[in-house]
PDB file of all heavy atoms in Angstrom:
ATOM      1  N   VAL A   1       6.156 -24.554   6.141  1.00  0.00           N
ATOM      2  CA  VAL A   1       5.639 -23.790   7.285  1.00  0.00           C
ATOM      3  C   VAL A   1       6.623 -22.682   7.650  1.00  0.00           C
ATOM      4  O   VAL A   1       6.230 -21.584   8.037  1.00  0.00           O
ATOM      5  CB  VAL A   1       5.388 -24.726   8.493  1.00  0.00           C
ATOM      6  CG1 VAL A   1       5.041 -23.938   9.757  1.00  0.00           C
ATOM      7  CG2 VAL A   1       4.275 -25.725   8.151  1.00  0.00           C
ATOM      8  N   TYR A   2       7.907 -22.962   7.505  1.00  0.00           N
ATOM      9  CA  TYR A   2       8.947 -21.993   7.835  1.00  0.00           C
ATOM     10  C   TYR A   2       9.387 -21.176   6.622  1.00  0.00           C
ATOM     11  O   TYR A   2      10.055 -20.152   6.770  1.00  0.00           O
ATOM     12  CB  TYR A   2      10.146 -22.712   8.468  1.00  0.00           C
ATOM     13  CG  TYR A   2       9.753 -23.479   9.715  1.00  0.00           C
ATOM     14  CD1 TYR A   2       9.591 -24.865   9.681  1.00  0.00           C
ATOM     15  CD2 TYR A   2       9.499 -22.810  10.908  1.00  0.00           C
ATOM     16  CE1 TYR A   2       9.208 -25.563  10.819  1.00  0.00           C
ATOM     17  CE2 TYR A   2       9.109 -23.505  12.055  1.00  0.00           C
ATOM     18  CZ  TYR A   2       8.968 -24.876  12.003  1.00  0.00           C
ATOM     19  OH  TYR A   2       8.582 -25.555  13.137  1.00  0.00           O
ATOM     20  N   HIS A   3       8.988 -21.632   5.433  1.00  0.00           N
ATOM     21  CA  HIS A   3       9.312 -20.908   4.197  1.00  0.00           C
ATOM     22  C   HIS A   3       8.047 -20.789   3.335  1.00  0.00           C
ATOM     23  O   HIS A   3       7.966 -21.381   2.240  1.00  0.00           O
ATOM     24  CB  HIS A   3      10.427 -21.620   3.428  1.00  0.00           C
ATOM     25  CG  HIS A   3      11.721 -21.674   4.155  1.00  0.00           C
ATOM     26  ND1 HIS A   3      12.578 -20.590   4.230  1.00  0.00           N
ATOM     27  CD2 HIS A   3      12.288 -22.667   4.886  1.00  0.00           C
ATOM     28  CE1 HIS A   3      13.626 -20.921   4.952  1.00  0.00           C
ATOM     29  NE2 HIS A   3      13.481 -22.164   5.375  1.00  0.00           N
ATOM     30  N   PRO A   4       7.055 -20.035   3.799  1.00  0.00           N
ATOM     31  CA  PRO A   4       5.782 -19.962   3.066  1.00  0.00           C
ATOM     32  C   PRO A   4       5.905 -19.335   1.682  1.00  0.00           C
ATOM     33  O   PRO A   4       4.999 -19.494   0.864  1.00  0.00           O
ATOM     34  CB  PRO A   4       4.879 -19.126   3.991  1.00  0.00           C
ATOM     35  CG  PRO A   4       5.804 -18.393   4.907  1.00  0.00           C
ATOM     36  CD  PRO A   4       7.000 -19.267   5.069  1.00  0.00           C
ATOM     37  N   GLU A   5       7.019 -18.666   1.426  1.00  0.00           N
ATOM     38  CA  GLU A   5       7.234 -18.101   0.088  1.00  0.00           C
ATOM     39  C   GLU A   5       7.335 -19.213  -0.972  1.00  0.00           C
ATOM     40  O   GLU A   5       7.229 -18.946  -2.171  1.00  0.00           O
ATOM     41  CB  GLU A   5       8.481 -17.206   0.059  1.00  0.00           C
ATOM     42  CG  GLU A   5       9.815 -17.914   0.193  1.00  0.00           C
ATOM     43  CD  GLU A   5      10.217 -18.278   1.633  1.00  0.00           C
ATOM     44  OE1 GLU A   5       9.436 -18.011   2.570  1.00  0.00           O
ATOM     45  OE2 GLU A   5      11.328 -18.841   1.811  1.00  0.00           O
ATOM     46  N   ARG A   6       7.552 -20.472  -0.539  1.00  0.00           N
ATOM     47  CA  ARG A   6       7.629 -21.602  -1.465  1.00  0.00           C
ATOM     48  C   ARG A   6       6.260 -22.232  -1.760  1.00  0.00           C
ATOM     49  O   ARG A   6       6.164 -23.169  -2.561  1.00  0.00           O
ATOM     50  CB  ARG A   6       8.559 -22.682  -0.902  1.00  0.00           C
ATOM     51  CG  ARG A   6       9.997 -22.237  -0.708  1.00  0.00           C
ATOM     52  CD  ARG A   6      10.821 -23.398  -0.141  1.00  0.00           C
ATOM     53  NE  ARG A   6      12.100 -22.995   0.371  1.00  0.00           N
ATOM     54  CZ  ARG A   6      12.882 -23.765   1.142  1.00  0.00           C
ATOM     55  NH1 ARG A   6      12.455 -24.981   1.486  1.00  0.00           N
ATOM     56  NH2 ARG A   6      14.050 -23.321   1.563  1.00  0.00           N
ATOM     57  N   LEU A   7       5.218 -21.755  -1.100  1.00  0.00           N
ATOM     58  CA  LEU A   7       3.873 -22.241  -1.401  1.00  0.00           C
ATOM     59  C   LEU A   7       3.481 -21.816  -2.818  1.00  0.00           C
ATOM     60  O   LEU A   7       4.133 -20.933  -3.399  1.00  0.00           O
ATOM     61  CB  LEU A   7       2.875 -21.674  -0.374  1.00  0.00           C
ATOM     62  CG  LEU A   7       2.969 -22.267   1.050  1.00  0.00           C
ATOM     63  CD1 LEU A   7       2.275 -21.366   2.064  1.00  0.00           C
ATOM     64  CD2 LEU A   7       2.388 -23.670   1.097  1.00  0.00           C
ATOM     65  N   PRO A   8       2.415 -22.413  -3.399  1.00  0.00           N
ATOM     66  CA  PRO A   8       2.033 -22.063  -4.779  1.00  0.00           C
ATOM     67  C   PRO A   8       1.935 -20.560  -5.018  1.00  0.00           C
ATOM     68  O   PRO A   8       1.335 -19.835  -4.216  1.00  0.00           O
ATOM     69  CB  PRO A   8       0.664 -22.737  -4.929  1.00  0.00           C
ATOM     70  CG  PRO A   8       0.731 -23.931  -4.011  1.00  0.00           C
ATOM     71  CD  PRO A   8       1.529 -23.463  -2.835  1.00  0.00           C
ATOM     72  N   GLN A   9       2.549 -20.109  -6.132  1.00  0.00           N
ATOM     73  CA  GLN A   9       2.621 -18.679  -6.454  1.00  0.00           C
ATOM     74  C   GLN A   9       1.935 -18.404  -7.783  1.00  0.00           C
ATOM     75  O   GLN A   9       2.131 -19.142  -8.752  1.00  0.00           O
ATOM     76  CB  GLN A   9       4.093 -18.249  -6.584  1.00  0.00           C
ATOM     77  CG  GLN A   9       4.935 -18.481  -5.341  1.00  0.00           C
ATOM     78  CD  GLN A   9       4.943 -17.299  -4.403  1.00  0.00           C
ATOM     79  OE1 GLN A   9       4.373 -16.262  -4.694  1.00  0.00           O
ATOM     80  NE2 GLN A   9       5.585 -17.429  -3.265  1.00  0.00           N
ATOM     81  N   ALA A  10       1.157 -17.340  -7.843  1.00  0.00           N
ATOM     82  CA  ALA A  10       0.533 -16.924  -9.101  1.00  0.00           C
ATOM     83  C   ALA A  10       1.556 -16.198  -9.984  1.00  0.00           C
ATOM     84  O   ALA A  10       2.503 -15.588  -9.477  1.00  0.00           O
ATOM     85  CB  ALA A  10      -0.657 -16.014  -8.819  1.00  0.00           C
ATOM     86  N   SER A  11       1.332 -16.249 -11.295  1.00  0.00           N
ATOM     87  CA  SER A  11       2.295 -15.640 -12.227  1.00  0.00           C
ATOM     88  C   SER A  11       2.045 -14.147 -12.451  1.00  0.00           C
ATOM     89  O   SER A  11       2.932 -13.422 -12.887  1.00  0.00           O
ATOM     90  CB  SER A  11       2.249 -16.378 -13.572  1.00  0.00           C
ATOM     91  OG  SER A  11       0.924 -16.334 -14.120  1.00  0.00           O
ATOM     92  N   ILE A  12       0.812 -13.691 -12.167  1.00  0.00           N
ATOM     93  CA  ILE A  12       0.469 -12.276 -12.377  1.00  0.00           C
ATOM     94  C   ILE A  12       0.060 -11.657 -11.035  1.00  0.00           C
ATOM     95  O   ILE A  12      -0.805 -12.190 -10.341  1.00  0.00           O
ATOM     96  CB  ILE A  12      -0.707 -12.119 -13.375  1.00  0.00           C
ATOM     97  CG1 ILE A  12      -0.451 -12.906 -14.666  1.00  0.00           C
ATOM     98  CG2 ILE A  12      -0.949 -10.648 -13.681  1.00  0.00           C
ATOM     99  CD1 ILE A  12      -1.716 -13.089 -15.515  1.00  0.00           C
ATOM    100  N   VAL A  13       0.701 -10.552 -10.696  1.00  0.00           N
ATOM    101  CA  VAL A  13       0.385  -9.838  -9.452  1.00  0.00           C
ATOM    102  C   VAL A  13       0.142  -8.372  -9.800  1.00  0.00           C
ATOM    103  O   VAL A  13       1.039  -7.707 -10.341  1.00  0.00           O
ATOM    104  CB  VAL A  13       1.529  -9.966  -8.419  1.00  0.00           C
ATOM    105  CG1 VAL A  13       1.162  -9.241  -7.131  1.00  0.00           C
ATOM    106  CG2 VAL A  13       1.843 -11.438  -8.136  1.00  0.00           C
ATOM    107  N   GLU A  14      -1.050  -7.862  -9.506  1.00  0.00           N
ATOM    108  CA  GLU A  14      -1.390  -6.474  -9.842  1.00  0.00           C
ATOM    109  C   GLU A  14      -2.136  -5.804  -8.702  1.00  0.00           C
ATOM    110  O   GLU A  14      -2.922  -6.442  -8.008  1.00  0.00           O
ATOM    111  CB  GLU A  14      -2.263  -6.407 -11.105  1.00  0.00           C
ATOM    112  CG  GLU A  14      -1.489  -6.499 -12.384  1.00  0.00           C
ATOM    113  CD  GLU A  14      -2.317  -6.102 -13.605  1.00  0.00           C
ATOM    114  OE1 GLU A  14      -3.382  -5.443 -13.438  1.00  0.00           O
ATOM    115  OE2 GLU A  14      -1.895  -6.455 -14.719  1.00  0.00           O
ATOM    116  N   GLU A  15      -1.926  -4.517  -8.549  1.00  0.00           N
ATOM    117  CA  GLU A  15      -2.683  -3.743  -7.566  1.00  0.00           C
ATOM    118  C   GLU A  15      -4.038  -3.325  -8.144  1.00  0.00           C
ATOM    119  O   GLU A  15      -4.154  -3.062  -9.349  1.00  0.00           O
ATOM    120  CB  GLU A  15      -1.897  -2.492  -7.148  1.00  0.00           C
ATOM    121  CG  GLU A  15      -0.664  -2.786  -6.306  1.00  0.00           C
ATOM    122  CD  GLU A  15       0.092  -1.539  -5.902  1.00  0.00           C
ATOM    123  OE1 GLU A  15      -0.062  -0.495  -6.587  1.00  0.00           O
ATOM    124  OE2 GLU A  15       0.850  -1.583  -4.901  1.00  0.00           O
ATOM    125  N   ILE A  16      -5.036  -3.273  -7.277  1.00  0.00           N
ATOM    126  CA  ILE A  16      -6.338  -2.675  -7.640  1.00  0.00           C
ATOM    127  C   ILE A  16      -6.379  -1.310  -6.957  1.00  0.00           C
ATOM    128  O   ILE A  16      -6.340  -1.215  -5.731  1.00  0.00           O
ATOM    129  CB  ILE A  16      -7.525  -3.552  -7.179  1.00  0.00           C
ATOM    130  CG1 ILE A  16      -7.420  -4.962  -7.763  1.00  0.00           C
ATOM    131  CG2 ILE A  16      -8.843  -2.896  -7.586  1.00  0.00           C
ATOM    132  CD1 ILE A  16      -8.516  -5.911  -7.296  1.00  0.00           C
ATOM    133  N   ILE A  17      -6.439  -0.279  -7.768  1.00  0.00           N
ATOM    134  CA  ILE A  17      -6.244   1.094  -7.302  1.00  0.00           C
ATOM    135  C   ILE A  17      -7.575   1.765  -6.956  1.00  0.00           C
ATOM    136  O   ILE A  17      -8.570   1.595  -7.670  1.00  0.00           O
ATOM    137  CB  ILE A  17      -5.492   1.910  -8.380  1.00  0.00           C
ATOM    138  CG1 ILE A  17      -4.125   1.273  -8.683  1.00  0.00           C
ATOM    139  CG2 ILE A  17      -5.330   3.360  -7.961  1.00  0.00           C
ATOM    140  CD1 ILE A  17      -3.211   1.148  -7.497  1.00  0.00           C
ATOM    141  N   SER A  18      -7.579   2.543  -5.871  1.00  0.00           N
ATOM    142  CA  SER A  18      -8.781   3.298  -5.509  1.00  0.00           C
ATOM    143  C   SER A  18      -9.033   4.416  -6.519  1.00  0.00           C
ATOM    144  O   SER A  18      -8.109   5.183  -6.835  1.00  0.00           O
ATOM    145  CB  SER A  18      -8.641   3.898  -4.111  1.00  0.00           C
ATOM    146  OG  SER A  18      -9.773   4.715  -3.823  1.00  0.00           O
ATOM    147  N   PRO A  19     -10.282   4.564  -6.985  1.00  0.00           N
ATOM    148  CA  PRO A  19     -10.585   5.621  -7.954  1.00  0.00           C
ATOM    149  C   PRO A  19     -10.846   6.981  -7.300  1.00  0.00           C
ATOM    150  O   PRO A  19     -11.020   7.979  -7.992  1.00  0.00           O
ATOM    151  CB  PRO A  19     -11.859   5.099  -8.629  1.00  0.00           C
ATOM    152  CG  PRO A  19     -12.533   4.261  -7.561  1.00  0.00           C
ATOM    153  CD  PRO A  19     -11.437   3.671  -6.723  1.00  0.00           C
ATOM    154  N   CYS A  20     -10.887   7.051  -5.953  1.00  0.00           N
ATOM    155  CA  CYS A  20     -11.240   8.308  -5.290  1.00  0.00           C
ATOM    156  C   CYS A  20     -10.713   8.353  -3.857  1.00  0.00           C
ATOM    157  O   CYS A  20     -10.253   7.338  -3.317  1.00  0.00           O
ATOM    158  CB  CYS A  20     -12.766   8.490  -5.273  1.00  0.00           C
ATOM    159  SG  CYS A  20     -13.630   7.127  -4.446  1.00  0.00           S
ATOM    160  N   ASP A  21     -10.776   9.553  -3.252  1.00  0.00           N
ATOM    161  CA  ASP A  21     -10.456   9.719  -1.831  1.00  0.00           C
ATOM    162  C   ASP A  21     -11.703   9.394  -1.004  1.00  0.00           C
ATOM    163  O   ASP A  21     -12.829   9.483  -1.490  1.00  0.00           O
ATOM    164  CB  ASP A  21     -10.072  11.179  -1.512  1.00  0.00           C
ATOM    165  CG  ASP A  21      -8.776  11.613  -2.171  1.00  0.00           C
ATOM    166  OD1 ASP A  21      -8.089  10.771  -2.772  1.00  0.00           O
ATOM    167  OD2 ASP A  21      -8.446  12.815  -2.067  1.00  0.00           O
ATOM    168  N   GLY A  22     -11.463   9.073   0.269  1.00  0.00           N
ATOM    169  CA  GLY A  22     -12.605   8.911   1.172  1.00  0.00           C
ATOM    170  C   GLY A  22     -12.365   7.815   2.195  1.00  0.00           C
ATOM    171  O   GLY A  22     -11.224   7.499   2.547  1.00  0.00           O
ATOM    172  N   TYR A  23     -13.465   7.234   2.642  1.00  0.00           N
ATOM    173  CA  TYR A  23     -13.423   6.140   3.612  1.00  0.00           C
ATOM    174  C   TYR A  23     -14.197   4.945   3.041  1.00  0.00           C
ATOM    175  O   TYR A  23     -15.212   5.132   2.367  1.00  0.00           O
ATOM    176  CB  TYR A  23     -14.053   6.551   4.944  1.00  0.00           C
ATOM    177  CG  TYR A  23     -13.317   7.656   5.661  1.00  0.00           C
ATOM    178  CD1 TYR A  23     -13.614   8.995   5.385  1.00  0.00           C
ATOM    179  CD2 TYR A  23     -12.342   7.370   6.606  1.00  0.00           C
ATOM    180  CE1 TYR A  23     -12.933  10.013   6.030  1.00  0.00           C
ATOM    181  CE2 TYR A  23     -11.658   8.389   7.271  1.00  0.00           C
ATOM    182  CZ  TYR A  23     -11.960   9.693   6.966  1.00  0.00           C
ATOM    183  OH  TYR A  23     -11.287  10.722   7.618  1.00  0.00           O
ATOM    184  N   VAL A  24     -13.698   3.754   3.327  1.00  0.00           N
ATOM    185  CA  VAL A  24     -14.427   2.562   2.895  1.00  0.00           C
ATOM    186  C   VAL A  24     -15.675   2.436   3.769  1.00  0.00           C
ATOM    187  O   VAL A  24     -15.585   2.213   4.976  1.00  0.00           O
ATOM    188  CB  VAL A  24     -13.557   1.290   2.998  1.00  0.00           C
ATOM    189  CG1 VAL A  24     -14.368   0.070   2.552  1.00  0.00           C
ATOM    190  CG2 VAL A  24     -12.294   1.425   2.149  1.00  0.00           C
ATOM    191  N   GLN A  25     -16.839   2.615   3.141  1.00  0.00           N
ATOM    192  CA  GLN A  25     -18.121   2.564   3.849  1.00  0.00           C
ATOM    193  C   GLN A  25     -18.652   1.151   3.986  1.00  0.00           C
ATOM    194  O   GLN A  25     -19.207   0.761   5.000  1.00  0.00           O
ATOM    195  CB  GLN A  25     -19.190   3.381   3.089  1.00  0.00           C
ATOM    196  CG  GLN A  25     -18.871   4.839   2.910  1.00  0.00           C
ATOM    197  CD  GLN A  25     -19.022   5.624   4.197  1.00  0.00           C
ATOM    198  OE1 GLN A  25     -20.047   5.508   4.861  1.00  0.00           O
ATOM    199  NE2 GLN A  25     -18.017   6.401   4.554  1.00  0.00           N
ATOM    200  N   LYS A  26     -18.441   0.398   2.901  1.00  0.00           N
ATOM    201  CA  LYS A  26     -19.088  -0.911   2.823  1.00  0.00           C
ATOM    202  C   LYS A  26     -18.320  -1.794   1.849  1.00  0.00           C
ATOM    203  O   LYS A  26     -17.783  -1.316   0.853  1.00  0.00           O
ATOM    204  CB  LYS A  26     -20.535  -0.713   2.341  1.00  0.00           C
ATOM    205  CG  LYS A  26     -21.367  -1.986   2.231  1.00  0.00           C
ATOM    206  CD  LYS A  26     -22.761  -1.640   1.688  1.00  0.00           C
ATOM    207  CE  LYS A  26     -23.569  -2.905   1.402  1.00  0.00           C
ATOM    208  NZ  LYS A  26     -24.870  -2.567   0.773  1.00  0.00           N
ATOM    209  N   ILE A  27     -18.272  -3.079   2.158  1.00  0.00           N
ATOM    210  CA  ILE A  27     -17.744  -4.079   1.228  1.00  0.00           C
ATOM    211  C   ILE A  27     -18.804  -5.162   1.087  1.00  0.00           C
ATOM    212  O   ILE A  27     -19.239  -5.735   2.089  1.00  0.00           O
ATOM    213  CB  ILE A  27     -16.429  -4.702   1.741  1.00  0.00           C
ATOM    214  CG1 ILE A  27     -15.347  -3.639   1.935  1.00  0.00           C
ATOM    215  CG2 ILE A  27     -15.935  -5.775   0.776  1.00  0.00           C
ATOM    216  CD1 ILE A  27     -14.082  -4.160   2.614  1.00  0.00           C
ATOM    217  N   VAL A  28     -19.243  -5.419  -0.129  1.00  0.00           N
ATOM    218  CA  VAL A  28     -20.193  -6.526  -0.341  1.00  0.00           C
ATOM    219  C   VAL A  28     -19.370  -7.813  -0.324  1.00  0.00           C
ATOM    220  O   VAL A  28     -18.727  -8.197  -1.303  1.00  0.00           O
ATOM    221  CB  VAL A  28     -20.972  -6.366  -1.666  1.00  0.00           C
ATOM    222  CG1 VAL A  28     -22.003  -7.500  -1.786  1.00  0.00           C
ATOM    223  CG2 VAL A  28     -21.668  -5.007  -1.732  1.00  0.00           C
ATOM    224  N   CYS A  29     -19.378  -8.444   0.821  1.00  0.00           N
ATOM    225  CA  CYS A  29     -18.448  -9.533   1.106  1.00  0.00           C
ATOM    226  C   CYS A  29     -18.559 -10.682   0.104  1.00  0.00           C
ATOM    227  O   CYS A  29     -17.554 -11.197  -0.387  1.00  0.00           O
ATOM    228  CB  CYS A  29     -18.702 -10.016   2.532  1.00  0.00           C
ATOM    229  SG  CYS A  29     -17.411 -11.090   3.167  1.00  0.00           S
ATOM    230  N   ASP A  30     -19.776 -11.103  -0.203  1.00  0.00           N
ATOM    231  CA  ASP A  30     -19.990 -12.199  -1.162  1.00  0.00           C
ATOM    232  C   ASP A  30     -19.306 -11.933  -2.496  1.00  0.00           C
ATOM    233  O   ASP A  30     -18.791 -12.838  -3.146  1.00  0.00           O
ATOM    234  CB  ASP A  30     -21.492 -12.390  -1.401  1.00  0.00           C
ATOM    235  CG  ASP A  30     -22.072 -13.477  -0.512  1.00  0.00           C
ATOM    236  OD1 ASP A  30     -21.292 -14.120   0.212  1.00  0.00           O
ATOM    237  OD2 ASP A  30     -23.299 -13.695  -0.541  1.00  0.00           O
ATOM    238  N   GLU A  31     -19.348 -10.643  -2.904  1.00  0.00           N
ATOM    239  CA  GLU A  31     -18.771 -10.280  -4.197  1.00  0.00           C
ATOM    240  C   GLU A  31     -17.244 -10.456  -4.214  1.00  0.00           C
ATOM    241  O   GLU A  31     -16.670 -10.816  -5.238  1.00  0.00           O
ATOM    242  CB  GLU A  31     -19.131  -8.824  -4.544  1.00  0.00           C
ATOM    243  CG  GLU A  31     -20.586  -8.644  -4.953  1.00  0.00           C
ATOM    244  CD  GLU A  31     -20.905  -9.365  -6.270  1.00  0.00           C
ATOM    245  OE1 GLU A  31     -20.293  -9.026  -7.293  1.00  0.00           O
ATOM    246  OE2 GLU A  31     -21.731 -10.287  -6.262  1.00  0.00           O
ATOM    247  N   ILE A  32     -16.605 -10.194  -3.088  1.00  0.00           N
ATOM    248  CA  ILE A  32     -15.156 -10.423  -3.003  1.00  0.00           C
ATOM    249  C   ILE A  32     -14.870 -11.918  -3.144  1.00  0.00           C
ATOM    250  O   ILE A  32     -13.913 -12.334  -3.795  1.00  0.00           O
ATOM    251  CB  ILE A  32     -14.590  -9.883  -1.671  1.00  0.00           C
ATOM    252  CG1 ILE A  32     -14.941  -8.390  -1.496  1.00  0.00           C
ATOM    253  CG2 ILE A  32     -13.087 -10.104  -1.597  1.00  0.00           C
ATOM    254  CD1 ILE A  32     -14.407  -7.478  -2.561  1.00  0.00           C
TER     255      ILE A  32
END
């Protein structure tokens, strides 16, 4: 609880990059 960095960690961490400029209009929540 005081050291959450010790909770289970994934081995691969990657960013998902925006392909364009603009504003987020909608997120299809189920798909996430």
